[in-house]
């Protein structure tokens, strides 16, 4: 599913215009990005959670030249799938159906 697909589903399910649906999706994503930027954890029960993983600086190697390269410390967003979502996907059954408005 792409962002455009998600916008189309929200448009249909919530009976919104394409512009309104796009705004809803953008607000949601922007809020999640801001939370991760602020180093906050995001938890969506039954779906999963997002959190930053912090990595220290280390010495790496350029695979082509073998030259030592210093890799700066960084934080990377990480998604951990929730138990309910994992079970739904693993079962291969359509337990979750999009409800009509």
Protein backbone atom coordinates (compact mmCIF):
# COMPACT_ATOMS: atom_id res chain seq x y z
CA UNK A 1 0.00 0.00 0.00
CA UNK A 2 1.29 3.43 -0.90
CA UNK A 3 0.49 6.80 0.62
CA UNK A 4 -1.82 7.47 -2.35
CA UNK A 5 -3.63 4.17 -1.70
CA UNK A 6 -4.10 5.11 1.95
CA UNK A 7 -5.49 8.52 0.96
CA UNK A 8 -7.94 6.82 -1.42
CA UNK A 9 -9.14 4.40 1.30
CA UNK A 10 -9.68 7.24 3.78
CA UNK A 11 -11.46 9.26 1.10
CA UNK A 12 -13.88 6.40 0.45
CA UNK A 13 -14.37 5.21 4.03
CA UNK A 14 -14.78 8.65 5.63
CA UNK A 15 -16.60 10.17 2.65
CA UNK A 16 -14.05 12.98 2.35
CA UNK A 17 -12.67 14.87 -0.63
CA UNK A 18 -9.23 13.82 -1.91
CA UNK A 19 -7.73 17.05 -0.49
CA UNK A 20 -9.27 16.43 2.95
CA UNK A 21 -8.06 12.81 2.96
CA UNK A 22 -4.55 13.87 1.99
CA UNK A 23 -4.54 16.45 4.78
CA UNK A 24 -5.58 13.80 7.34
CA UNK A 25 -2.78 11.46 6.23
CA UNK A 26 -0.20 14.26 6.18
CA UNK A 27 -1.20 15.47 9.66
CA UNK A 28 -0.89 11.92 10.99
CA UNK A 29 2.52 11.29 9.40
CA UNK A 30 3.84 14.75 10.33
CA UNK A 31 2.78 14.21 13.95
CA UNK A 32 4.55 10.85 14.04
CA UNK A 33 7.70 12.31 12.49
CA UNK A 34 7.71 15.18 15.00
CA UNK A 35 7.31 12.74 17.91
CA UNK A 36 10.27 10.66 16.71
CA UNK A 37 12.28 13.83 16.12
CA UNK A 38 11.54 14.80 19.76
CA UNK A 39 12.75 11.30 20.76
CA UNK A 40 9.28 10.23 21.92
CA UNK A 41 7.92 6.70 21.56
CA UNK A 42 4.76 6.09 19.50
CA UNK A 43 2.49 3.21 20.50
CA UNK A 44 -0.55 2.14 18.50
CA UNK A 45 -2.20 -0.67 20.45
CA UNK A 46 -2.84 -3.79 18.42
CA UNK A 47 -0.60 -2.52 15.63
CA UNK A 48 2.88 -1.80 16.97
CA UNK A 49 5.25 0.84 18.24
CA UNK A 50 7.85 3.19 16.84
CA UNK A 51 10.94 4.27 18.77
CA UNK A 52 14.39 5.56 18.00
CA UNK A 53 17.41 3.33 18.31
CA UNK A 54 20.56 5.20 19.24
CA UNK A 55 23.88 4.07 17.79
CA UNK A 56 27.27 5.19 19.06
CA UNK A 57 30.06 6.39 16.81
CA UNK A 58 32.34 3.65 15.52
CA UNK A 59 35.13 2.97 13.07
CA UNK A 60 33.91 1.37 9.87
CA UNK A 61 35.65 0.46 6.63
CA UNK A 62 35.01 1.51 3.07
CA UNK A 63 34.29 -1.85 1.38
CA UNK A 64 35.94 -0.77 -1.89
CA UNK A 65 39.16 0.67 -0.54
CA UNK A 66 39.38 -0.87 2.93
CA UNK A 67 40.12 2.59 4.31
CA UNK A 68 39.01 3.26 7.90
CA UNK A 69 36.05 5.66 8.11
CA UNK A 70 34.61 7.25 11.26
CA UNK A 71 30.83 6.73 11.42
CA UNK A 72 29.11 9.46 13.44
CA UNK A 73 26.58 8.61 16.19
CA UNK A 74 23.03 8.41 14.91
CA UNK A 75 19.47 7.59 15.83
CA UNK A 76 17.30 5.49 13.54
CA UNK A 77 13.52 4.98 13.75
CA UNK A 78 12.58 1.37 14.52
CA UNK A 79 9.17 -0.32 14.25
CA UNK A 80 8.21 -3.22 16.52
CA UNK A 81 5.12 -5.09 15.39
CA UNK A 82 2.33 -5.61 17.94
CA UNK A 83 1.16 -9.05 19.04
CA UNK A 84 -2.33 -8.73 17.52
CA UNK A 85 -1.04 -7.60 14.13
CA UNK A 86 1.59 -10.34 14.11
CA UNK A 87 -1.10 -12.96 14.84
CA UNK A 88 -3.45 -11.62 12.13
CA UNK A 89 -0.72 -11.69 9.50
CA UNK A 90 0.58 -15.08 10.63
CA UNK A 91 -2.88 -16.69 10.59
CA UNK A 92 -3.35 -15.65 6.97
CA UNK A 93 -7.02 -15.10 7.65
CA UNK A 94 -8.95 -11.95 7.03
CA UNK A 95 -9.79 -11.24 10.67
CA UNK A 96 -9.66 -7.53 10.12
CA UNK A 97 -12.10 -6.06 7.64
CA UNK A 98 -12.30 -2.36 6.79
CA UNK A 99 -15.64 -1.19 8.11
CA UNK A 100 -17.94 0.73 5.81
CA UNK A 101 -18.94 4.18 7.04
